[in-house]
Protein backbone atom coordinates (compact mmCIF):
# COMPACT_ATOMS: atom_id res chain seq x y z
CA MET A 1 16.31 14.69 5.14
CA GLU A 2 16.52 15.38 1.45
CA GLU A 3 16.80 11.77 0.70
CA MET A 4 13.81 10.98 3.06
CA ASN A 5 11.68 13.53 1.00
CA GLU A 6 12.65 11.89 -2.20
CA CYS A 7 12.01 8.56 -0.81
CA LEU A 8 8.51 9.65 0.45
CA GLY A 9 7.80 11.35 -2.85
CA ALA A 10 8.47 7.89 -4.57
CA ILE A 11 6.27 6.08 -2.26
CA MET A 12 3.43 8.57 -2.61
CA ALA A 13 3.41 8.38 -6.56
CA LYS A 14 3.19 4.68 -6.02
CA TYR A 15 0.39 5.04 -3.64
CA LEU A 16 -1.52 7.23 -6.07
CA ALA A 17 -0.93 4.88 -8.83
CA GLY A 18 -2.27 1.99 -6.51
CA GLU A 19 1.12 0.16 -6.70
CA ALA A 20 2.44 0.86 -3.04
CA SER A 21 3.36 -2.13 -1.03
CA PRO A 22 1.86 -2.71 2.54
CA GLU A 23 5.27 -1.72 3.94
CA GLU A 24 5.29 1.35 1.73
CA THR A 25 1.75 2.32 2.79
CA ALA A 26 2.61 1.96 6.39
CA GLN A 27 5.63 4.19 6.01
CA LEU A 28 3.32 6.84 4.15
CA THR A 29 0.71 6.69 6.91
CA ALA A 30 3.24 7.17 9.74
CA TRP A 31 4.64 10.07 7.85
CA ILE A 32 1.13 11.82 7.50
CA GLY A 33 0.56 11.27 11.14
CA GLU A 34 3.81 12.94 12.24
CA ASP A 35 2.57 16.54 11.57
CA ARG A 36 -0.59 18.65 10.47
CA SER A 37 1.57 20.02 7.45
CA HIS A 38 2.25 16.53 6.20
CA ALA A 39 -1.53 15.69 6.28
CA ARG A 40 -2.31 19.03 4.35
CA GLU A 41 0.44 18.39 1.72
CA PHE A 42 -0.78 14.71 1.16
CA ALA A 43 -4.43 16.03 0.68
CA ARG A 44 -3.06 18.64 -1.71
CA LEU A 45 -1.26 15.92 -3.75
CA THR A 46 -4.34 13.56 -3.76
CA ASP A 47 -6.60 16.42 -5.02
CA ILE A 48 -7.30 14.61 -8.55
CA ASP A 49 -8.22 17.77 -10.31
CA GLN A 50 -4.97 19.53 -9.33
CA VAL A 51 -2.86 16.53 -10.38
CA VAL A 52 -4.49 16.29 -13.59
CA ARG A 53 -4.64 20.05 -14.32
CA PRO A 54 -1.86 21.50 -12.42
CA PRO A 55 -1.83 25.60 -12.29
CA PHE A 56 -0.24 27.21 -15.50
CA ASP A 57 3.00 29.12 -14.71
CA PRO A 58 3.94 31.64 -17.41
CA ALA A 59 7.46 32.08 -15.72
CA GLY A 60 8.18 28.50 -16.79
CA ILE A 61 8.05 29.29 -20.41
CA SER A 62 11.46 29.44 -22.31
CA VAL A 63 11.57 31.45 -25.56
CA ASP A 64 14.59 29.66 -26.71
CA ILE A 65 13.18 26.19 -26.50
CA ALA A 66 9.69 27.41 -28.04
CA ARG A 67 11.78 28.88 -31.01
CA GLU A 68 13.54 25.58 -31.54
CA ARG A 69 10.44 23.62 -31.38
CA THR A 70 8.69 25.78 -33.97
CA MET A 71 11.60 25.49 -36.39
CA LEU A 72 11.39 21.70 -36.07
CA LEU A 73 7.58 21.69 -36.53
CA LEU A 74 8.03 23.78 -39.73
CA GLN A 75 10.73 21.50 -41.07
CA GLY A 76 8.60 18.45 -40.36
CA GLU A 77 5.65 19.99 -42.10
CA GLU A 78 7.62 20.40 -45.42
CA ARG A 79 8.70 16.98 -45.37
CA ARG A 80 5.14 15.90 -44.76
CA ARG A 81 3.84 17.80 -47.75
CA ARG A 82 6.46 15.93 -50.02
CA ARG A 83 5.37 12.65 -48.62
CA LEU A 84 1.73 13.56 -49.09
CA ARG A 85 2.07 14.14 -52.82
CA PHE A 86 3.64 10.62 -53.16
CA VAL A 87 0.89 9.04 -50.96
CA ARG A 88 -2.00 10.53 -52.87
CA GLY A 89 -1.10 8.82 -55.87
CA PHE A 90 -0.80 5.48 -54.03
CA GLU A 91 -4.01 5.97 -52.31
CA ARG A 92 -6.04 6.23 -55.47
CA ALA A 93 -4.83 2.74 -56.51
CA ALA A 94 -5.22 1.27 -53.00
CA ALA A 95 -8.82 2.52 -52.57
CA VAL A 96 -10.37 -0.13 -55.01
CA LEU A 97 -8.81 -3.01 -52.76
CA PHE A 98 -9.39 -1.33 -49.66
CA LEU A 99 -13.34 -0.95 -49.96
CA PRO A 100 -14.02 -4.57 -49.63
CA LEU A 101 -11.91 -4.84 -46.46
CA VAL A 102 -13.66 -1.93 -44.96
CA LEU A 103 -17.21 -3.50 -45.60
CA VAL A 104 -16.01 -6.75 -43.95
CA SER A 105 -14.64 -4.95 -41.00
CA VAL A 106 -18.08 -2.91 -40.46
CA TYR A 107 -20.10 -6.06 -40.55
CA LEU A 108 -17.89 -7.80 -37.99
CA PHE A 109 -18.01 -4.90 -35.76
CA MET A 110 -21.87 -4.60 -36.09
CA ALA A 111 -22.13 -8.32 -35.44
CA ARG A 112 -20.01 -8.49 -32.38
CA PRO A 113 -21.95 -9.32 -29.08
CA GLU A 114 -22.55 -6.66 -26.44
CA PRO A 115 -19.71 -6.59 -23.71
CA ALA A 116 -20.78 -8.32 -20.46
CA ALA A 117 -20.99 -6.42 -17.37
CA SER A 118 -17.70 -7.96 -15.96
CA ASP A 119 -15.83 -5.99 -18.73
CA THR A 120 -16.30 -2.82 -16.92
CA THR A 121 -13.00 -1.33 -15.79
CA TRP A 122 -13.17 -0.27 -12.05
CA GLN A 123 -11.22 2.26 -9.94
CA THR A 124 -10.49 1.76 -6.33
CA VAL A 125 -9.39 4.74 -4.12
CA THR A 126 -8.18 4.34 -0.53
CA THR A 127 -7.43 7.08 1.65
CA PRO A 128 -5.04 6.66 4.74
CA PHE A 129 -6.29 7.47 8.15
CA ARG A 130 -6.12 11.18 9.32
CA THR A 131 -6.54 12.39 5.70
CA GLN A 132 -9.33 13.25 3.25
CA THR A 133 -9.58 12.78 -0.35
CA GLN A 134 -11.80 14.72 -2.75
CA LEU A 135 -12.66 13.33 -6.08
CA GLU A 136 -14.95 13.65 -9.14
CA LEU A 137 -16.70 10.75 -10.67
CA PRO A 138 -17.15 10.15 -14.40
CA ASP A 139 -20.89 11.60 -14.31
CA GLY A 140 -19.68 14.69 -12.58
CA SER A 141 -20.69 13.71 -9.18
CA LYS A 142 -18.28 14.82 -6.31
CA VAL A 143 -17.16 12.58 -3.33
CA TRP A 144 -15.16 13.40 -0.18
CA LEU A 145 -13.54 10.25 1.22
CA ASN A 146 -12.72 10.06 4.97
CA GLY A 147 -9.42 8.54 6.39
CA GLY A 148 -9.50 4.72 6.45
CA SER A 149 -12.15 4.55 3.57
CA THR A 150 -12.25 2.93 0.26
CA LEU A 151 -14.50 3.68 -2.71
CA ARG A 152 -14.81 1.57 -5.76
CA TYR A 153 -16.34 2.99 -9.02
CA PRO A 154 -16.43 2.31 -12.83
CA LEU A 155 -14.26 4.60 -14.97
CA ALA A 156 -17.37 5.13 -17.09
CA PHE A 157 -20.88 4.74 -16.13
CA GLY A 158 -23.21 2.86 -18.60
CA ALA A 159 -26.98 3.50 -19.13
CA GLY A 160 -29.08 2.46 -15.99
CA GLU A 161 -27.84 2.50 -12.51
CA ARG A 162 -24.72 4.48 -11.55
CA SER A 163 -23.26 2.16 -8.97
CA VAL A 164 -20.36 2.53 -6.43
CA SER A 165 -19.22 0.66 -3.50
CA LEU A 166 -18.07 2.18 -0.16
CA THR A 167 -16.25 0.95 2.85
CA GLY A 168 -15.73 3.65 5.41
CA GLU A 169 -17.15 7.11 5.23
CA ALA A 170 -18.00 9.31 2.52
CA TYR A 171 -19.84 12.55 1.67
CA PHE A 172 -21.57 12.61 -1.79
CA GLU A 173 -22.83 15.59 -4.04
CA VAL A 174 -24.75 13.58 -6.72
CA LYS A 175 -25.28 15.14 -10.22
CA SER A 176 -28.97 15.05 -11.06
CA ASP A 177 -30.14 12.32 -13.57
CA LYS A 178 -33.51 11.02 -12.68
CA THR A 179 -33.16 8.31 -15.60
CA ASN A 180 -29.91 6.98 -14.27
CA PRO A 181 -30.15 6.76 -10.43
CA PHE A 182 -27.07 6.90 -8.41
CA VAL A 183 -26.54 3.92 -5.82
CA VAL A 184 -24.07 3.59 -3.04
CA HIS A 185 -23.62 0.07 -1.92
CA THR A 186 -22.23 -0.72 1.56
CA LYS A 187 -21.96 -4.18 3.35
CA THR A 188 -25.61 -4.16 4.38
CA VAL A 189 -27.29 -0.78 3.11
CA GLY A 190 -27.99 0.62 -0.29
CA VAL A 191 -28.66 4.42 -0.82
CA THR A 192 -30.35 5.56 -4.07
CA ALA A 193 -30.38 9.03 -5.17
CA THR A 194 -30.92 11.03 -8.65
CA GLY A 195 -29.46 14.37 -7.45
CA THR A 196 -28.68 15.24 -3.91
CA ALA A 197 -26.11 15.62 -0.98
CA PHE A 198 -25.67 13.10 2.04
CA ASN A 199 -23.27 11.36 4.20
CA VAL A 200 -22.73 7.61 4.50
CA ASP A 201 -20.82 6.14 7.41
CA ALA A 202 -20.07 2.32 6.85
CA PHE A 203 -16.78 1.38 8.34
CA ARG A 204 -15.99 -2.31 7.90
CA ASN A 205 -15.94 -3.32 11.67
CA ASP A 206 -18.86 -1.16 12.83
CA ASP A 207 -22.07 -2.76 13.60
CA VAL A 208 -24.06 0.24 12.55
CA VAL A 209 -24.40 1.97 9.17
CA SER A 210 -25.63 5.33 9.11
CA VAL A 211 -26.93 7.91 6.43
CA THR A 212 -27.28 11.68 7.08
CA MET A 213 -29.21 13.81 4.68
CA VAL A 214 -28.19 17.29 3.60
CA ARG A 215 -30.49 18.21 0.81
CA GLY A 216 -32.73 16.41 -1.75
CA VAL A 217 -34.08 12.91 -1.00
CA VAL A 218 -32.73 9.41 -0.99
CA ASP A 219 -34.15 5.97 -0.55
CA VAL A 220 -32.32 3.81 1.87
CA ASP A 221 -32.59 0.07 1.45
CA MET A 222 -31.90 -2.18 4.42
CA LYS A 223 -32.01 -5.83 3.35
CA GLY A 224 -35.42 -5.28 1.67
CA GLU A 225 -36.91 -2.79 3.59
CA THR A 226 -36.74 0.91 2.18
CA ARG A 227 -37.11 4.22 3.88
CA ARG A 228 -37.26 7.48 2.15
CA MET A 229 -35.23 10.29 3.87
CA ALA A 230 -35.58 14.02 3.69
CA PRO A 231 -33.01 16.75 4.76
CA GLY A 232 -31.96 16.93 8.27
CA GLU A 233 -32.73 13.26 8.93
CA ARG A 234 -30.24 10.64 9.97
CA ILE A 235 -30.94 7.02 9.97
CA CYS A 236 -28.86 4.32 11.74
CA TYR A 237 -29.25 0.69 10.78
CA ASP A 238 -28.18 -1.88 13.36
CA ASN A 239 -26.53 -4.76 11.32
CA ARG A 240 -26.88 -7.45 14.26
CA LEU A 241 -30.39 -6.60 15.09
CA GLY A 242 -31.82 -5.74 11.62
CA THR A 243 -33.39 -2.59 13.08
CA TYR A 244 -33.06 1.14 12.39
CA THR A 245 -33.90 4.54 13.87
CA VAL A 246 -34.43 7.87 12.31
CA ASP A 247 -33.72 11.15 14.05
CA GLN A 248 -33.91 14.98 13.17
CA THR A 249 -30.36 16.21 13.39
CA ASP A 250 -27.83 19.07 12.46
CA SER A 251 -26.44 17.48 9.27
CA GLU A 252 -23.41 19.72 9.42
CA LYS A 253 -22.25 18.01 12.67
CA TRP A 254 -22.00 14.71 10.98
CA CYS A 255 -20.35 16.14 7.62
CA ALA A 256 -17.99 18.63 9.19
CA TRP A 257 -15.09 16.11 8.85
CA ARG A 258 -14.73 16.87 5.22
CA ASN A 259 -13.52 20.34 6.17
CA GLY A 260 -11.13 19.00 8.94
CA GLU A 261 -13.39 19.31 11.77
CA ILE A 262 -14.60 17.05 14.48
CA ILE A 263 -17.87 18.13 16.15
CA PHE A 264 -19.04 16.55 19.54
CA GLU A 265 -22.34 18.09 20.86
CA ASN A 266 -23.99 16.57 23.70
CA ASP A 267 -22.15 13.17 22.83
CA ARG A 268 -21.39 10.49 25.45
CA LEU A 269 -17.78 9.70 25.90
CA ASP A 270 -18.28 6.25 24.74
CA TYR A 271 -19.28 7.63 21.29
CA VAL A 272 -16.35 10.12 21.42
CA PHE A 273 -14.02 7.15 21.86
CA HIS A 274 -15.77 5.34 19.04
CA ARG A 275 -15.50 8.09 16.64
CA LEU A 276 -11.90 8.92 17.51
CA GLY A 277 -11.18 5.29 16.87
CA GLN A 278 -12.66 5.42 13.44
CA LEU A 279 -10.68 8.50 12.37
CA TYR A 280 -7.38 7.67 13.90
CA ASN A 281 -7.43 3.89 13.52
CA VAL A 282 -7.13 3.62 17.52
CA GLU A 283 -8.64 1.06 19.89
CA PHE A 284 -10.13 2.45 23.01
CA THR A 285 -10.52 0.24 26.16
CA VAL A 286 -12.70 1.90 28.85
CA CYS A 287 -11.81 0.32 32.10
CA ASP A 288 -14.24 2.45 34.15
CA PRO A 289 -17.73 2.13 32.58
CA SER A 290 -19.07 5.19 34.46
CA VAL A 291 -16.91 7.23 32.15
CA ASN A 292 -19.03 6.41 29.24
CA CYS A 293 -22.04 8.37 30.60
CA TYR A 294 -20.10 11.64 30.70
CA VAL A 295 -21.52 14.02 28.02
CA TYR A 296 -18.89 15.96 26.16
CA HIS A 297 -18.89 19.09 23.98
CA ALA A 298 -15.98 20.10 21.66
CA VAL A 299 -15.03 21.03 18.21
CA PHE A 300 -11.59 19.83 17.02
CA THR A 301 -9.88 21.26 13.83
CA ASP A 302 -6.64 19.54 12.51
CA GLU A 303 -5.55 18.48 15.97
CA THR A 304 -3.30 15.50 16.30
CA LEU A 305 -4.70 12.53 18.55
CA PRO A 306 -2.17 13.38 21.29
CA GLU A 307 -3.45 16.90 21.48
CA ILE A 308 -7.15 15.61 21.48
CA LEU A 309 -6.26 13.22 24.36
CA GLU A 310 -4.68 15.87 26.34
CA MET A 311 -7.82 18.25 25.97
CA LEU A 312 -10.05 15.32 26.93
CA LYS A 313 -7.75 14.74 30.06
CA ILE A 314 -8.15 18.37 30.97
CA SER A 315 -11.93 18.82 30.28
CA ALA A 316 -13.31 15.32 31.17
CA PRO A 317 -13.00 13.17 34.30
CA ILE A 318 -10.50 10.75 32.71
CA ARG A 319 -6.89 9.68 32.44
CA TYR A 320 -5.38 7.39 29.76
CA GLU A 321 -2.61 5.15 29.08
CA ILE A 322 -1.22 4.57 25.50
CA LEU A 323 -0.18 0.92 24.92
CA GLN A 324 2.08 -0.55 22.04
CA ALA A 325 0.75 -0.87 18.61
CA ASP A 326 -0.50 -4.26 17.68
CA SER A 327 -2.49 -5.34 14.63
CA PRO A 328 -2.79 -8.31 12.44
CA ALA A 329 -2.54 -6.03 9.39
CA PRO A 330 1.02 -5.01 9.10
CA ASN A 331 0.26 -2.16 6.70
CA ILE A 332 -2.03 -0.37 9.37
CA PRO A 333 -0.73 -0.86 12.87
CA LYS A 334 -3.44 -0.15 15.40
CA GLN A 335 -2.89 1.79 18.55
CA HIS A 336 -4.55 0.75 21.92
CA ILE A 337 -5.44 3.29 24.56
CA ARG A 338 -6.91 2.42 27.92
CA VAL A 339 -9.04 5.02 29.56
CA TYR A 340 -9.71 5.28 33.46
CA GLY A 341 -11.59 7.45 35.61
CA LYS A 342 -9.95 10.12 37.54
């Protein structure tokens, strides 16, 4: 067991550094899905703020080691002072020769061309299924990234548009900056904000992209047509038809996933299966179409997929069959589940 923990720890470190192979990613994803505690441990380790600034532990201080380091620093300081007396004499002579070199260097620096946009360094963060990742962008904006989602953003925002690219689902709390609008790019929709909170659902294989407003206002651009949204509104854009709908809604229902909750309220079972497929990397096949019309109400918190399926079996007129995983992507095996009416 200890060897397995060490192996998973090494794989997790490589994953956080963006160096994990597809096989290692698949092994890590399988481990996360085994138990709720595994998912919570992964979420803790992927908390960027905790990784960069771990908590301070006074008990970890060694007085003896600190004393030795202090003595070494004092000895090094004395040697530095002796070298400094010698170097100062040399500096006076070198200054006359060094000045022309400085002037030439300044000229070359000022004359260099502005870096092209392609020189921007980008960071890509991908969250495994059944987990969530929270991160802070260079401008101070906060992002919650849902499982199976990828966010691409620059390590530093320049003047003008603060652009990020999203595949999957994310909740944004944008830091206010009216002169530098914040733009989320998806496969078909762009969301522009200056300081607000909203949720974007844009999974790669879905035909519909949705934006749910929490506070503030955003402009949603759908292939040239722009719609301004207010709090409590949810817009759904159909990529196939090029049409959209806007509804008043309880925004918490669509954003509760960032707290580990899945809320179904007056939702048909076909949507329930669709949502579970997004979050758990599962493909549902409903063999009895009449099942889709059943309206379902439930709130799930950190339940595993088998637990949710059993609850559905008890409270809804269905039975199910789990088939062998099969996927063209070896690092993300997709499970297939057939649903029948009772």
